[in-house]
Amino acid sequence: MYSEDAELCLSLVKKGYANYYYADYKVKHSDGAVALRNMALREAQVWKSRKIYFSRNHGWLRGQVLSILYFKYTINRLIAYYLLFILNFRGQKRFYKNQAAICSEAIKLYFKGI
């Protein structure tokens, strides 16, 4: 769901086509409603999508390693947000609590298989 552009570029390069990047071009995605409503779901889907992409194109082991690294990254963020919440850093307790909840829910969704 979130790695199709990388998948397309890689498959075209493998077929001998050139890949160009134009910094001045913009693409607007009109189908971003789920990502805006449920950040935990979006994060879990990105995680799953990256794992699938790496497993398909760079080998199963690399897909697993990437998934483990993403898990560790999410756990580290969860811990950091809880610490910032406890310390009430810059008076933004609500923000840190919400971010911690997103991380926690993303982990649950990912391991449920979304």
N, C-alpha and C. Protein backbone atom coordinates (compact mmCIF):
# COMPACT_ATOMS: atom_id res chain seq x y z
N MET A 1 0.81 -1.19 0.00
CA MET A 1 0.00 0.00 0.00
C MET A 1 0.86 1.27 0.00
N TYR A 2 2.05 1.23 0.56
CA TYR A 2 2.86 2.43 0.64
C TYR A 2 4.21 2.30 -0.05
N SER A 3 4.46 1.20 -0.74
CA SER A 3 5.75 1.01 -1.41
C SER A 3 5.60 0.78 -2.90
N GLU A 4 4.42 1.04 -3.44
CA GLU A 4 4.19 0.77 -4.85
C GLU A 4 5.10 1.58 -5.75
N ASP A 5 5.37 2.83 -5.40
CA ASP A 5 6.22 3.66 -6.24
C ASP A 5 7.63 3.10 -6.32
N ALA A 6 8.17 2.65 -5.20
CA ALA A 6 9.51 2.05 -5.18
C ALA A 6 9.50 0.74 -5.97
N GLU A 7 8.44 -0.04 -5.81
CA GLU A 7 8.31 -1.31 -6.54
C GLU A 7 8.27 -1.07 -8.05
N LEU A 8 7.49 -0.09 -8.47
CA LEU A 8 7.37 0.24 -9.89
C LEU A 8 8.72 0.70 -10.45
N CYS A 9 9.39 1.60 -9.75
CA CYS A 9 10.69 2.11 -10.21
C CYS A 9 11.70 0.97 -10.33
N LEU A 10 11.76 0.11 -9.34
CA LEU A 10 12.71 -1.00 -9.36
C LEU A 10 12.43 -1.95 -10.52
N SER A 11 11.17 -2.27 -10.75
CA SER A 11 10.84 -3.19 -11.84
C SER A 11 11.15 -2.58 -13.20
N LEU A 12 10.95 -1.27 -13.36
CA LEU A 12 11.27 -0.61 -14.63
C LEU A 12 12.78 -0.56 -14.85
N VAL A 13 13.54 -0.29 -13.81
CA VAL A 13 15.01 -0.27 -13.92
C VAL A 13 15.52 -1.66 -14.29
N LYS A 14 14.95 -2.70 -13.68
CA LYS A 14 15.35 -4.08 -14.01
C LYS A 14 15.07 -4.43 -15.47
N LYS A 15 14.06 -3.77 -16.06
CA LYS A 15 13.72 -4.01 -17.47
C LYS A 15 14.52 -3.12 -18.41
N GLY A 16 15.40 -2.29 -17.84
CA GLY A 16 16.28 -1.47 -18.68
C GLY A 16 15.84 -0.03 -18.87
N TYR A 17 14.76 0.36 -18.25
CA TYR A 17 14.30 1.74 -18.38
C TYR A 17 15.09 2.64 -17.42
N ALA A 18 15.16 3.91 -17.78
CA ALA A 18 15.84 4.88 -16.91
C ALA A 18 14.84 5.42 -15.89
N ASN A 19 15.36 5.84 -14.77
CA ASN A 19 14.53 6.38 -13.69
C ASN A 19 14.96 7.83 -13.47
N TYR A 20 14.04 8.75 -13.60
CA TYR A 20 14.35 10.17 -13.44
C TYR A 20 13.56 10.76 -12.29
N TYR A 21 14.15 11.75 -11.67
CA TYR A 21 13.50 12.45 -10.56
C TYR A 21 13.41 13.92 -10.92
N TYR A 22 12.22 14.47 -10.87
CA TYR A 22 12.00 15.88 -11.14
C TYR A 22 11.50 16.55 -9.87
N ALA A 23 12.35 17.34 -9.27
CA ALA A 23 12.03 17.96 -7.97
C ALA A 23 10.88 18.96 -8.07
N ASP A 24 10.66 19.53 -9.23
CA ASP A 24 9.61 20.54 -9.37
C ASP A 24 8.22 19.95 -9.58
N TYR A 25 8.13 18.66 -9.82
CA TYR A 25 6.83 18.02 -10.04
C TYR A 25 6.20 17.66 -8.70
N LYS A 26 4.88 17.77 -8.66
CA LYS A 26 4.15 17.41 -7.45
C LYS A 26 3.04 16.44 -7.81
N VAL A 27 2.81 15.49 -6.93
CA VAL A 27 1.73 14.52 -7.12
C VAL A 27 0.81 14.64 -5.92
N LYS A 28 -0.47 14.77 -6.19
CA LYS A 28 -1.44 14.86 -5.10
C LYS A 28 -2.21 13.55 -5.03
N HIS A 29 -2.19 12.93 -3.86
CA HIS A 29 -2.95 11.71 -3.63
C HIS A 29 -4.31 12.10 -3.07
N SER A 30 -5.35 11.78 -3.81
CA SER A 30 -6.69 12.15 -3.36
C SER A 30 -7.32 11.08 -2.48
N ASP A 31 -6.62 9.98 -2.28
CA ASP A 31 -7.19 8.86 -1.54
C ASP A 31 -6.46 8.67 -0.21
N GLY A 32 -6.26 9.74 0.54
CA GLY A 32 -5.52 9.63 1.79
C GLY A 32 -6.40 9.70 3.03
N ALA A 33 -7.67 9.36 2.90
CA ALA A 33 -8.60 9.52 4.01
C ALA A 33 -8.27 8.63 5.20
N VAL A 34 -7.90 7.39 4.96
CA VAL A 34 -7.59 6.47 6.06
C VAL A 34 -6.36 6.96 6.82
N ALA A 35 -5.35 7.39 6.07
CA ALA A 35 -4.11 7.85 6.70
C ALA A 35 -4.36 9.05 7.60
N LEU A 36 -5.27 9.90 7.21
CA LEU A 36 -5.56 11.09 8.02
C LEU A 36 -6.39 10.76 9.25
N ARG A 37 -7.26 9.77 9.15
CA ARG A 37 -8.14 9.43 10.27
C ARG A 37 -7.48 8.54 11.30
N ASN A 38 -6.66 7.62 10.87
CA ASN A 38 -6.12 6.63 11.79
C ASN A 38 -4.61 6.49 11.58
N MET A 39 -3.85 7.27 12.33
CA MET A 39 -2.40 7.28 12.17
C MET A 39 -1.77 5.95 12.56
N ALA A 40 -2.34 5.26 13.53
CA ALA A 40 -1.80 3.96 13.94
C ALA A 40 -1.96 2.94 12.82
N LEU A 41 -3.11 2.95 12.17
CA LEU A 41 -3.34 2.05 11.05
C LEU A 41 -2.39 2.37 9.91
N ARG A 42 -2.21 3.64 9.63
CA ARG A 42 -1.29 4.06 8.58
C ARG A 42 0.12 3.56 8.89
N GLU A 43 0.57 3.77 10.11
CA GLU A 43 1.92 3.35 10.49
C GLU A 43 2.10 1.84 10.37
N ALA A 44 1.11 1.08 10.81
CA ALA A 44 1.19 -0.39 10.71
C ALA A 44 1.21 -0.83 9.25
N GLN A 45 0.42 -0.15 8.41
CA GLN A 45 0.39 -0.50 6.99
C GLN A 45 1.71 -0.16 6.29
N VAL A 46 2.31 0.96 6.66
CA VAL A 46 3.62 1.32 6.10
C VAL A 46 4.64 0.26 6.49
N TRP A 47 4.64 -0.12 7.76
CA TRP A 47 5.55 -1.14 8.28
C TRP A 47 5.40 -2.44 7.48
N LYS A 48 4.16 -2.89 7.32
CA LYS A 48 3.89 -4.13 6.59
C LYS A 48 4.30 -4.01 5.12
N SER A 49 4.00 -2.87 4.52
CA SER A 49 4.31 -2.65 3.12
C SER A 49 5.82 -2.67 2.87
N ARG A 50 6.58 -2.04 3.74
CA ARG A 50 8.04 -2.03 3.60
C ARG A 50 8.61 -3.46 3.73
N LYS A 51 8.06 -4.21 4.67
CA LYS A 51 8.52 -5.59 4.86
C LYS A 51 8.26 -6.42 3.60
N ILE A 52 7.08 -6.30 3.03
CA ILE A 52 6.73 -7.03 1.81
C ILE A 52 7.65 -6.61 0.67
N TYR A 53 7.86 -5.32 0.51
CA TYR A 53 8.72 -4.81 -0.56
C TYR A 53 10.13 -5.39 -0.44
N PHE A 54 10.70 -5.31 0.76
CA PHE A 54 12.07 -5.80 0.94
C PHE A 54 12.14 -7.31 0.78
N SER A 55 11.15 -8.03 1.27
CA SER A 55 11.15 -9.49 1.12
C SER A 55 11.09 -9.90 -0.35
N ARG A 56 10.25 -9.23 -1.12
CA ARG A 56 10.10 -9.55 -2.54
C ARG A 56 11.34 -9.20 -3.36
N ASN A 57 11.93 -8.05 -3.07
CA ASN A 57 12.97 -7.51 -3.94
C ASN A 57 14.39 -7.67 -3.42
N HIS A 58 14.56 -7.93 -2.16
CA HIS A 58 15.90 -8.01 -1.59
C HIS A 58 16.11 -9.26 -0.74
N GLY A 59 15.13 -10.14 -0.71
CA GLY A 59 15.26 -11.40 0.02
C GLY A 59 14.48 -11.40 1.33
N TRP A 60 14.03 -12.61 1.68
CA TRP A 60 13.21 -12.80 2.88
C TRP A 60 13.92 -12.31 4.13
N LEU A 61 15.21 -12.63 4.26
CA LEU A 61 15.96 -12.26 5.46
C LEU A 61 16.02 -10.74 5.64
N ARG A 62 16.27 -10.03 4.57
CA ARG A 62 16.31 -8.56 4.67
C ARG A 62 14.95 -7.99 5.04
N GLY A 63 13.90 -8.61 4.55
CA GLY A 63 12.56 -8.19 4.95
C GLY A 63 12.33 -8.38 6.44
N GLN A 64 12.80 -9.50 6.98
CA GLN A 64 12.66 -9.76 8.41
C GLN A 64 13.50 -8.79 9.24
N VAL A 65 14.74 -8.55 8.78
CA VAL A 65 15.62 -7.62 9.50
C VAL A 65 15.00 -6.23 9.51
N LEU A 66 14.48 -5.78 8.37
CA LEU A 66 13.83 -4.47 8.31
C LEU A 66 12.66 -4.41 9.27
N SER A 67 11.86 -5.47 9.34
CA SER A 67 10.71 -5.50 10.23
C SER A 67 11.15 -5.40 11.69
N ILE A 68 12.21 -6.10 12.05
CA ILE A 68 12.73 -6.03 13.42
C ILE A 68 13.23 -4.63 13.73
N LEU A 69 13.94 -4.01 12.79
CA LEU A 69 14.44 -2.65 13.01
C LEU A 69 13.28 -1.66 13.16
N TYR A 70 12.24 -1.83 12.35
CA TYR A 70 11.07 -0.95 12.44
C TYR A 70 10.38 -1.13 13.79
N PHE A 71 10.31 -2.37 14.25
CA PHE A 71 9.72 -2.66 15.56
C PHE A 71 10.52 -1.96 16.66
N LYS A 72 11.85 -2.09 16.62
CA LYS A 72 12.70 -1.45 17.62
C LYS A 72 12.55 0.07 17.58
N TYR A 73 12.46 0.63 16.38
CA TYR A 73 12.27 2.07 16.21
C TYR A 73 10.94 2.51 16.85
N THR A 74 9.89 1.75 16.62
CA THR A 74 8.58 2.09 17.18
C THR A 74 8.58 1.95 18.70
N ILE A 75 9.22 0.93 19.23
CA ILE A 75 9.34 0.76 20.68
C ILE A 75 10.12 1.93 21.29
N ASN A 76 11.22 2.31 20.64
CA ASN A 76 12.01 3.45 21.14
C ASN A 76 11.18 4.73 21.16
N ARG A 77 10.39 4.95 20.11
CA ARG A 77 9.52 6.13 20.09
C ARG A 77 8.48 6.07 21.20
N LEU A 78 7.92 4.88 21.41
CA LEU A 78 6.92 4.69 22.47
C LEU A 78 7.52 5.04 23.83
N ILE A 79 8.70 4.54 24.11
CA ILE A 79 9.37 4.83 25.38
C ILE A 79 9.67 6.32 25.50
N ALA A 80 10.18 6.92 24.43
CA ALA A 80 10.50 8.35 24.46
C ALA A 80 9.25 9.19 24.72
N TYR A 81 8.15 8.88 24.06
CA TYR A 81 6.91 9.64 24.27
C TYR A 81 6.40 9.48 25.69
N TYR A 82 6.49 8.28 26.25
CA TYR A 82 6.05 8.10 27.64
C TYR A 82 6.94 8.87 28.61
N LEU A 83 8.24 8.87 28.36
CA LEU A 83 9.15 9.65 29.23
C LEU A 83 8.84 11.14 29.13
N LEU A 84 8.65 11.62 27.92
CA LEU A 84 8.32 13.04 27.74
C LEU A 84 6.97 13.37 28.38
N PHE A 85 6.04 12.43 28.32
CA PHE A 85 4.74 12.61 28.97
C PHE A 85 4.92 12.73 30.48
N ILE A 86 5.69 11.81 31.06
CA ILE A 86 5.91 11.82 32.51
C ILE A 86 6.60 13.10 32.95
N LEU A 87 7.59 13.54 32.16
CA LEU A 87 8.34 14.76 32.51
C LEU A 87 7.57 16.03 32.16
N ASN A 88 6.46 15.88 31.43
CA ASN A 88 5.66 17.01 30.96
C ASN A 88 6.55 18.02 30.23
N PHE A 89 7.39 17.51 29.34
CA PHE A 89 8.33 18.33 28.58
C PHE A 89 7.59 19.37 27.76
N ARG A 90 7.93 20.62 27.98
CA ARG A 90 7.34 21.78 27.28
C ARG A 90 5.82 21.84 27.43
N GLY A 91 5.29 21.23 28.46
CA GLY A 91 3.86 21.33 28.74
C GLY A 91 2.96 20.71 27.69
N GLN A 92 3.44 19.67 27.02
CA GLN A 92 2.65 19.06 25.94
C GLN A 92 2.27 17.62 26.26
N LYS A 93 1.75 17.42 27.45
CA LYS A 93 1.39 16.06 27.89
C LYS A 93 0.41 15.38 26.94
N ARG A 94 -0.60 16.09 26.50
CA ARG A 94 -1.62 15.49 25.63
C ARG A 94 -0.99 14.99 24.32
N PHE A 95 -0.11 15.80 23.74
CA PHE A 95 0.55 15.41 22.49
C PHE A 95 1.35 14.12 22.68
N TYR A 96 2.17 14.07 23.74
CA TYR A 96 3.01 12.89 23.98
C TYR A 96 2.17 11.65 24.28
N LYS A 97 1.09 11.85 25.00
CA LYS A 97 0.20 10.72 25.30
C LYS A 97 -0.43 10.18 24.01
N ASN A 98 -0.87 11.09 23.14
CA ASN A 98 -1.46 10.68 21.86
C ASN A 98 -0.45 9.96 20.98
N GLN A 99 0.77 10.47 20.92
CA GLN A 99 1.81 9.84 20.10
C GLN A 99 2.16 8.45 20.63
N ALA A 100 2.24 8.32 21.95
CA ALA A 100 2.51 7.01 22.56
C ALA A 100 1.39 6.04 22.23
N ALA A 101 0.16 6.51 22.27
CA ALA A 101 -0.99 5.66 21.95
C ALA A 101 -0.95 5.20 20.49
N ILE A 102 -0.53 6.09 19.59
CA ILE A 102 -0.41 5.73 18.17
C ILE A 102 0.64 4.63 18.00
N CYS A 103 1.80 4.79 18.64
CA CYS A 103 2.86 3.77 18.55
C CYS A 103 2.36 2.44 19.09
N SER A 104 1.73 2.47 20.23
CA SER A 104 1.23 1.25 20.86
C SER A 104 0.20 0.56 19.98
N GLU A 105 -0.73 1.32 19.45
CA GLU A 105 -1.77 0.75 18.59
C GLU A 105 -1.19 0.22 17.29
N ALA A 106 -0.20 0.91 16.73
CA ALA A 106 0.44 0.45 15.49
C ALA A 106 1.09 -0.91 15.69
N ILE A 107 1.75 -1.09 16.84
CA ILE A 107 2.38 -2.38 17.14
C ILE A 107 1.31 -3.47 17.23
N LYS A 108 0.21 -3.18 17.93
CA LYS A 108 -0.88 -4.17 18.05
C LYS A 108 -1.44 -4.53 16.68
N LEU A 109 -1.71 -3.51 15.86
CA LEU A 109 -2.29 -3.76 14.54
C LEU A 109 -1.35 -4.57 13.66
N TYR A 110 -0.07 -4.25 13.71
CA TYR A 110 0.90 -4.97 12.88
C TYR A 110 0.92 -6.45 13.23
N PHE A 111 0.97 -6.74 14.52
CA PHE A 111 1.07 -8.14 14.93
C PHE A 111 -0.27 -8.88 14.84
N LYS A 112 -1.37 -8.14 14.73
CA LYS A 112 -2.67 -8.78 14.46
C LYS A 112 -2.77 -9.18 13.00
N GLY A 113 -1.91 -8.60 12.18
CA GLY A 113 -1.95 -8.88 10.74
C GLY A 113 -2.78 -7.88 9.98
N ILE A 114 -3.12 -6.79 10.64
CA ILE A 114 -3.95 -5.71 10.11
C ILE A 114 -5.14 -6.30 9.38
